[in-house]
């Protein structure tokens, strides 16, 4: 089906970060104990840092945190 998101692999520890919008990623970062980091991201955007660069860095940070959480076996919802 065109436009449908790909199925989520339940074995993929990074699945919650894949395909998220900027707001979705910021919310996920906050749930992963990244409230201060999310504020920094918002400040960077307000200061004119290119959105693509911010998204790349944000995605990497969330992936690092999800990998760490997965190692401990608990994902915050």
PDB file of N, CA and C in Angstrom:
ATOM      1  N   UNK A   1       0.842  -1.166   0.000  1.00  0.00           N
ATOM      2  CA  UNK A   1       0.000   0.000   0.000  1.00  0.00           C
ATOM      3  C   UNK A   1       0.899   1.245   0.000  1.00  0.00           C
ATOM      4  N   UNK A   2       0.672   2.173  -0.889  1.00  0.00           N
ATOM      5  CA  UNK A   2       1.482   3.384  -1.006  1.00  0.00           C
ATOM      6  C   UNK A   2       1.266   4.285   0.192  1.00  0.00           C
ATOM      7  N   UNK A   3       2.355   4.821   0.719  1.00  0.00           N
ATOM      8  CA  UNK A   3       2.277   5.761   1.829  1.00  0.00           C
ATOM      9  C   UNK A   3       2.171   5.105   3.189  1.00  0.00           C
ATOM     10  N   UNK A   4       1.998   3.807   3.239  1.00  0.00           N
ATOM     11  CA  UNK A   4       1.903   3.113   4.528  1.00  0.00           C
ATOM     12  C   UNK A   4       3.296   2.957   5.112  1.00  0.00           C
ATOM     13  N   UNK A   5       3.424   3.145   6.417  1.00  0.00           N
ATOM     14  CA  UNK A   5       4.747   2.961   7.026  1.00  0.00           C
ATOM     15  C   UNK A   5       5.146   1.493   6.980  1.00  0.00           C
ATOM     16  N   UNK A   6       6.452   1.249   6.915  1.00  0.00           N
ATOM     17  CA  UNK A   6       6.899  -0.145   6.898  1.00  0.00           C
ATOM     18  C   UNK A   6       6.564  -0.800   8.233  1.00  0.00           C
ATOM     19  N   UNK A   7       6.407  -2.119   8.248  1.00  0.00           N
ATOM     20  CA  UNK A   7       6.110  -2.793   9.511  1.00  0.00           C
ATOM     21  C   UNK A   7       7.253  -2.616  10.497  1.00  0.00           C
ATOM     22  N   UNK A   8       6.920  -2.543  11.772  1.00  0.00           N
ATOM     23  CA  UNK A   8       7.925  -2.374  12.821  1.00  0.00           C
ATOM     24  C   UNK A   8       8.436  -3.746  13.225  1.00  0.00           C
ATOM     25  N   UNK A   9       9.734  -3.874  13.238  1.00  0.00           N
ATOM     26  CA  UNK A   9      10.376  -5.117  13.655  1.00  0.00           C
ATOM     27  C   UNK A   9      10.428  -5.141  15.183  1.00  0.00           C
ATOM     28  N   UNK A  10       9.736  -6.073  15.835  1.00  0.00           N
ATOM     29  CA  UNK A  10       9.735  -6.095  17.300  1.00  0.00           C
ATOM     30  C   UNK A  10      11.103  -6.384  17.894  1.00  0.00           C
ATOM     31  N   UNK A  11      12.017  -6.885  17.099  1.00  0.00           N
ATOM     32  CA  UNK A  11      13.379  -7.162  17.561  1.00  0.00           C
ATOM     33  C   UNK A  11      14.303  -5.954  17.411  1.00  0.00           C
ATOM     34  N   UNK A  12      13.821  -4.891  16.786  1.00  0.00           N
ATOM     35  CA  UNK A  12      14.630  -3.699  16.520  1.00  0.00           C
ATOM     36  C   UNK A  12      14.575  -2.757  17.716  1.00  0.00           C
ATOM     37  N   UNK A  13      15.662  -2.625  18.477  1.00  0.00           N
ATOM     38  CA  UNK A  13      15.638  -1.750  19.658  1.00  0.00           C
ATOM     39  C   UNK A  13      15.516  -0.269  19.293  1.00  0.00           C
ATOM     40  N   UNK A  14      15.799   0.085  18.045  1.00  0.00           N
ATOM     41  CA  UNK A  14      15.744   1.478  17.620  1.00  0.00           C
ATOM     42  C   UNK A  14      14.426   1.823  16.930  1.00  0.00           C
ATOM     43  N   UNK A  15      13.508   0.869  16.861  1.00  0.00           N
ATOM     44  CA  UNK A  15      12.242   1.078  16.164  1.00  0.00           C
ATOM     45  C   UNK A  15      11.484   2.319  16.629  1.00  0.00           C
ATOM     46  N   UNK A  16      11.447   2.644  17.923  1.00  0.00           N
ATOM     47  CA  UNK A  16      10.685   3.826  18.333  1.00  0.00           C
ATOM     48  C   UNK A  16      11.190   5.131  17.725  1.00  0.00           C
ATOM     49  N   UNK A  17      12.438   5.181  17.283  1.00  0.00           N
ATOM     50  CA  UNK A  17      13.001   6.410  16.732  1.00  0.00           C
ATOM     51  C   UNK A  17      12.835   6.509  15.217  1.00  0.00           C
ATOM     52  N   UNK A  18      12.537   5.419  14.577  1.00  0.00           N
ATOM     53  CA  UNK A  18      12.488   5.413  13.115  1.00  0.00           C
ATOM     54  C   UNK A  18      11.201   6.058  12.599  1.00  0.00           C
ATOM     55  N   UNK A  19      11.355   6.976  11.648  1.00  0.00           N
ATOM     56  CA  UNK A  19      10.212   7.590  10.992  1.00  0.00           C
ATOM     57  C   UNK A  19       9.494   8.662  11.801  1.00  0.00           C
ATOM     58  N   UNK A  20      10.061   9.098  12.895  1.00  0.00           N
ATOM     59  CA  UNK A  20       9.427  10.104  13.743  1.00  0.00           C
ATOM     60  C   UNK A  20       9.617  11.503  13.167  1.00  0.00           C
ATOM     61  N   UNK A  21       8.660  12.375  13.424  1.00  0.00           N
ATOM     62  CA  UNK A  21       8.793  13.790  13.086  1.00  0.00           C
ATOM     63  C   UNK A  21       9.711  14.439  14.119  1.00  0.00           C
ATOM     64  N   UNK A  22      10.060  15.679  13.880  1.00  0.00           N
ATOM     65  CA  UNK A  22      10.897  16.415  14.831  1.00  0.00           C
ATOM     66  C   UNK A  22      10.225  16.456  16.203  1.00  0.00           C
ATOM     67  N   UNK A  23       8.942  16.784  16.244  1.00  0.00           N
ATOM     68  CA  UNK A  23       8.242  16.830  17.534  1.00  0.00           C
ATOM     69  C   UNK A  23       8.189  15.455  18.190  1.00  0.00           C
ATOM     70  N   UNK A  24       7.981  14.426  17.392  1.00  0.00           N
ATOM     71  CA  UNK A  24       7.965  13.071  17.928  1.00  0.00           C
ATOM     72  C   UNK A  24       9.307  12.675  18.514  1.00  0.00           C
ATOM     73  N   UNK A  25      10.382  13.037  17.816  1.00  0.00           N
ATOM     74  CA  UNK A  25      11.726  12.734  18.320  1.00  0.00           C
ATOM     75  C   UNK A  25      12.028  13.506  19.596  1.00  0.00           C
ATOM     76  N   UNK A  26      11.609  14.764  19.651  1.00  0.00           N
ATOM     77  CA  UNK A  26      11.838  15.555  20.865  1.00  0.00           C
ATOM     78  C   UNK A  26      11.080  14.960  22.047  1.00  0.00           C
ATOM     79  N   UNK A  27       9.850  14.538  21.814  1.00  0.00           N
ATOM     80  CA  UNK A  27       9.079  13.899  22.880  1.00  0.00           C
ATOM     81  C   UNK A  27       9.721  12.606  23.345  1.00  0.00           C
ATOM     82  N   UNK A  28      10.218  11.820  22.402  1.00  0.00           N
ATOM     83  CA  UNK A  28      10.897  10.577  22.746  1.00  0.00           C
ATOM     84  C   UNK A  28      12.165  10.863  23.533  1.00  0.00           C
ATOM     85  N   UNK A  29      12.929  11.854  23.119  1.00  0.00           N
ATOM     86  CA  UNK A  29      14.141  12.227  23.850  1.00  0.00           C
ATOM     87  C   UNK A  29      13.803  12.621  25.283  1.00  0.00           C
ATOM     88  N   UNK A  30      12.742  13.368  25.465  1.00  0.00           N
ATOM     89  CA  UNK A  30      12.332  13.766  26.817  1.00  0.00           C
ATOM     90  C   UNK A  30      11.971  12.550  27.663  1.00  0.00           C
ATOM     91  N   UNK A  31      11.291  11.565  27.076  1.00  0.00           N
ATOM     92  CA  UNK A  31      10.935  10.348  27.819  1.00  0.00           C
ATOM     93  C   UNK A  31      12.160   9.495  28.149  1.00  0.00           C
ATOM     94  N   UNK A  32      13.241   9.725  27.411  1.00  0.00           N
ATOM     95  CA  UNK A  32      14.491   8.988  27.644  1.00  0.00           C
ATOM     96  C   UNK A  32      15.448   9.784  28.529  1.00  0.00           C
ATOM     97  N   UNK A  33      14.902  10.587  29.433  1.00  0.00           N
ATOM     98  CA  UNK A  33      15.686  11.415  30.357  1.00  0.00           C
ATOM     99  C   UNK A  33      16.506  12.470  29.637  1.00  0.00           C
ATOM    100  N   UNK A  34      15.963  13.024  28.570  1.00  0.00           N
ATOM    101  CA  UNK A  34      16.689  14.014  27.800  1.00  0.00           C
ATOM    102  C   UNK A  34      15.983  15.362  27.740  1.00  0.00           C
ATOM    103  N   UNK A  35      15.347  15.767  28.838  1.00  0.00           N
ATOM    104  CA  UNK A  35      14.617  17.037  28.847  1.00  0.00           C
ATOM    105  C   UNK A  35      15.567  18.204  28.552  1.00  0.00           C
ATOM    106  N   UNK A  36      16.715  18.204  29.191  1.00  0.00           N
ATOM    107  CA  UNK A  36      17.678  19.293  28.961  1.00  0.00           C
ATOM    108  C   UNK A  36      18.200  19.275  27.523  1.00  0.00           C
ATOM    109  N   UNK A  37      18.463  18.092  27.002  1.00  0.00           N
ATOM    110  CA  UNK A  37      18.956  17.979  25.631  1.00  0.00           C
ATOM    111  C   UNK A  37      17.896  18.438  24.633  1.00  0.00           C
ATOM    112  N   UNK A  38      16.632  18.139  24.915  1.00  0.00           N
ATOM    113  CA  UNK A  38      15.553  18.593  24.037  1.00  0.00           C
ATOM    114  C   UNK A  38      15.483  20.118  24.026  1.00  0.00           C
ATOM    115  N   UNK A  39      15.716  20.734  25.164  1.00  0.00           N
ATOM    116  CA  UNK A  39      15.737  22.198  25.236  1.00  0.00           C
ATOM    117  C   UNK A  39      16.888  22.758  24.402  1.00  0.00           C
ATOM    118  N   UNK A  40      18.023  22.088  24.413  1.00  0.00           N
ATOM    119  CA  UNK A  40      19.170  22.515  23.610  1.00  0.00           C
ATOM    120  C   UNK A  40      18.823  22.414  22.124  1.00  0.00           C
ATOM    121  N   UNK A  41      18.149  21.351  21.739  1.00  0.00           N
ATOM    122  CA  UNK A  41      17.748  21.172  20.340  1.00  0.00           C
ATOM    123  C   UNK A  41      16.828  22.310  19.913  1.00  0.00           C
ATOM    124  N   UNK A  42      15.853  22.610  20.754  1.00  0.00           N
ATOM    125  CA  UNK A  42      14.921  23.702  20.430  1.00  0.00           C
ATOM    126  C   UNK A  42      15.663  25.039  20.313  1.00  0.00           C
ATOM    127  N   UNK A  43      16.639  25.260  21.186  1.00  0.00           N
ATOM    128  CA  UNK A  43      17.441  26.491  21.125  1.00  0.00           C
ATOM    129  C   UNK A  43      18.268  26.549  19.851  1.00  0.00           C
ATOM    130  N   UNK A  44      18.820  25.414  19.455  1.00  0.00           N
ATOM    131  CA  UNK A  44      19.618  25.371  18.228  1.00  0.00           C
ATOM    132  C   UNK A  44      18.753  25.722  17.022  1.00  0.00           C
ATOM    133  N   UNK A  45      17.547  25.175  16.979  1.00  0.00           N
ATOM    134  CA  UNK A  45      16.637  25.496  15.880  1.00  0.00           C
ATOM    135  C   UNK A  45      16.290  26.981  15.882  1.00  0.00           C
ATOM    136  N   UNK A  46      16.020  27.514  17.062  1.00  0.00           N
ATOM    137  CA  UNK A  46      15.678  28.937  17.179  1.00  0.00           C
ATOM    138  C   UNK A  46      16.852  29.826  16.776  1.00  0.00           C
ATOM    139  N   UNK A  47      18.070  29.333  16.981  1.00  0.00           N
ATOM    140  CA  UNK A  47      19.270  30.101  16.637  1.00  0.00           C
ATOM    141  C   UNK A  47      19.625  29.994  15.157  1.00  0.00           C
ATOM    142  N   UNK A  48      18.887  29.154  14.425  1.00  0.00           N
ATOM    143  CA  UNK A  48      19.127  29.066  12.993  1.00  0.00           C
ATOM    144  C   UNK A  48      19.974  27.901  12.522  1.00  0.00           C
ATOM    145  N   UNK A  49      20.264  26.960  13.413  1.00  0.00           N
ATOM    146  CA  UNK A  49      21.001  25.774  12.971  1.00  0.00           C
ATOM    147  C   UNK A  49      20.094  25.033  11.982  1.00  0.00           C
ATOM    148  N   UNK A  50      20.638  24.601  10.845  1.00  0.00           N
ATOM    149  CA  UNK A  50      19.815  23.935   9.832  1.00  0.00           C
ATOM    150  C   UNK A  50      19.059  22.730  10.399  1.00  0.00           C
ATOM    151  N   UNK A  51      17.794  22.662  10.046  1.00  0.00           N
ATOM    152  CA  UNK A  51      16.905  21.606  10.537  1.00  0.00           C
ATOM    153  C   UNK A  51      17.460  20.210  10.239  1.00  0.00           C
ATOM    154  N   UNK A  52      18.033  20.007   9.064  1.00  0.00           N
ATOM    155  CA  UNK A  52      18.565  18.692   8.705  1.00  0.00           C
ATOM    156  C   UNK A  52      19.691  18.280   9.646  1.00  0.00           C
ATOM    157  N   UNK A  53      20.547  19.230   9.976  1.00  0.00           N
ATOM    158  CA  UNK A  53      21.654  18.924  10.893  1.00  0.00           C
ATOM    159  C   UNK A  53      21.122  18.590  12.275  1.00  0.00           C
ATOM    160  N   UNK A  54      20.149  19.370  12.740  1.00  0.00           N
ATOM    161  CA  UNK A  54      19.547  19.127  14.049  1.00  0.00           C
ATOM    162  C   UNK A  54      18.882  17.753  14.068  1.00  0.00           C
ATOM    163  N   UNK A  55      18.144  17.418  13.026  1.00  0.00           N
ATOM    164  CA  UNK A  55      17.481  16.107  12.964  1.00  0.00           C
ATOM    165  C   UNK A  55      18.483  14.958  12.984  1.00  0.00           C
ATOM    166  N   UNK A  56      19.580  15.114  12.246  1.00  0.00           N
ATOM    167  CA  UNK A  56      20.609  14.070  12.232  1.00  0.00           C
ATOM    168  C   UNK A  56      21.172  13.837  13.632  1.00  0.00           C
ATOM    169  N   UNK A  57      21.529  14.916  14.303  1.00  0.00           N
ATOM    170  CA  UNK A  57      22.103  14.805  15.647  1.00  0.00           C
ATOM    171  C   UNK A  57      21.082  14.257  16.640  1.00  0.00           C
ATOM    172  N   UNK A  58      19.852  14.720  16.525  1.00  0.00           N
ATOM    173  CA  UNK A  58      18.783  14.267  17.408  1.00  0.00           C
ATOM    174  C   UNK A  58      18.535  12.776  17.226  1.00  0.00           C
ATOM    175  N   UNK A  59      18.471  12.337  15.999  1.00  0.00           N
ATOM    176  CA  UNK A  59      18.270  10.907  15.713  1.00  0.00           C
ATOM    177  C   UNK A  59      19.396  10.078  16.315  1.00  0.00           C
ATOM    178  N   UNK A  60      20.636  10.510  16.134  1.00  0.00           N
ATOM    179  CA  UNK A  60      21.768   9.754  16.682  1.00  0.00           C
ATOM    180  C   UNK A  60      21.713   9.687  18.206  1.00  0.00           C
ATOM    181  N   UNK A  61      21.370  10.794  18.843  1.00  0.00           N
ATOM    182  CA  UNK A  61      21.294  10.805  20.310  1.00  0.00           C
ATOM    183  C   UNK A  61      20.206   9.853  20.805  1.00  0.00           C
ATOM    184  N   UNK A  62      19.070   9.869  20.151  1.00  0.00           N
ATOM    185  CA  UNK A  62      17.992   8.972  20.560  1.00  0.00           C
ATOM    186  C   UNK A  62      18.389   7.523  20.329  1.00  0.00           C
ATOM    187  N   UNK A  63      19.032   7.246  19.217  1.00  0.00           N
ATOM    188  CA  UNK A  63      19.474   5.876  18.949  1.00  0.00           C
ATOM    189  C   UNK A  63      20.460   5.408  20.010  1.00  0.00           C
ATOM    190  N   UNK A  64      21.378   6.281  20.436  1.00  0.00           N
ATOM    191  CA  UNK A  64      22.317   5.919  21.511  1.00  0.00           C
ATOM    192  C   UNK A  64      21.557   5.593  22.795  1.00  0.00           C
ATOM    193  N   UNK A  65      20.590   6.455  23.126  1.00  0.00           N
ATOM    194  CA  UNK A  65      19.834   6.244  24.361  1.00  0.00           C
ATOM    195  C   UNK A  65      18.971   4.985  24.286  1.00  0.00           C
ATOM    196  N   UNK A  66      18.340   4.746  23.154  1.00  0.00           N
ATOM    197  CA  UNK A  66      17.523   3.542  23.013  1.00  0.00           C
ATOM    198  C   UNK A  66      18.381   2.283  23.102  1.00  0.00           C
ATOM    199  N   UNK A  67      19.559   2.323  22.524  1.00  0.00           N
ATOM    200  CA  UNK A  67      20.456   1.165  22.594  1.00  0.00           C
ATOM    201  C   UNK A  67      20.860   0.905  24.043  1.00  0.00           C
ATOM    202  N   UNK A  68      21.113   1.964  24.789  1.00  0.00           N
ATOM    203  CA  UNK A  68      21.466   1.824  26.204  1.00  0.00           C
ATOM    204  C   UNK A  68      20.293   1.266  27.004  1.00  0.00           C
ATOM    205  N   UNK A  69      19.099   1.797  26.756  1.00  0.00           N
ATOM    206  CA  UNK A  69      17.905   1.335  27.460  1.00  0.00           C
ATOM    207  C   UNK A  69      17.628  -0.121  27.117  1.00  0.00           C
ATOM    208  N   UNK A  70      17.780  -0.478  25.841  1.00  0.00           N
ATOM    209  CA  UNK A  70      17.540  -1.853  25.422  1.00  0.00           C
ATOM    210  C   UNK A  70      18.508  -2.805  26.120  1.00  0.00           C
ATOM    211  N   UNK A  71      19.738  -2.369  26.329  1.00  0.00           N
ATOM    212  CA  UNK A  71      20.712  -3.198  27.029  1.00  0.00           C
ATOM    213  C   UNK A  71      20.263  -3.483  28.452  1.00  0.00           C
ATOM    214  N   UNK A  72      19.530  -2.554  29.048  1.00  0.00           N
ATOM    215  CA  UNK A  72      19.035  -2.736  30.408  1.00  0.00           C
ATOM    216  C   UNK A  72      17.664  -3.396  30.425  1.00  0.00           C
ATOM    217  N   UNK A  73      17.020  -3.494  29.249  1.00  0.00           N
ATOM    218  CA  UNK A  73      15.761  -4.200  29.150  1.00  0.00           C
ATOM    219  C   UNK A  73      14.524  -3.409  29.550  1.00  0.00           C
ATOM    220  N   UNK A  74      14.601  -2.094  29.540  1.00  0.00           N
ATOM    221  CA  UNK A  74      13.427  -1.299  29.932  1.00  0.00           C
ATOM    222  C   UNK A  74      13.328  -0.064  29.047  1.00  0.00           C
ATOM    223  N   UNK A  75      12.219   0.055  28.344  1.00  0.00           N
ATOM    224  CA  UNK A  75      11.969   1.227  27.493  1.00  0.00           C
ATOM    225  C   UNK A  75      10.878   2.065  28.138  1.00  0.00           C
ATOM    226  N   UNK A  76      11.154   3.341  28.428  1.00  0.00           N
ATOM    227  CA  UNK A  76      10.131   4.181  29.049  1.00  0.00           C
ATOM    228  C   UNK A  76       9.023   4.531  28.074  1.00  0.00           C
ATOM    229  N   UNK A  77       7.813   4.413  28.493  1.00  0.00           N
ATOM    230  CA  UNK A  77       6.666   4.731  27.649  1.00  0.00           C
ATOM    231  C   UNK A  77       6.027   6.015  28.100  1.00  0.00           C
TER     232      UNK A  77
END
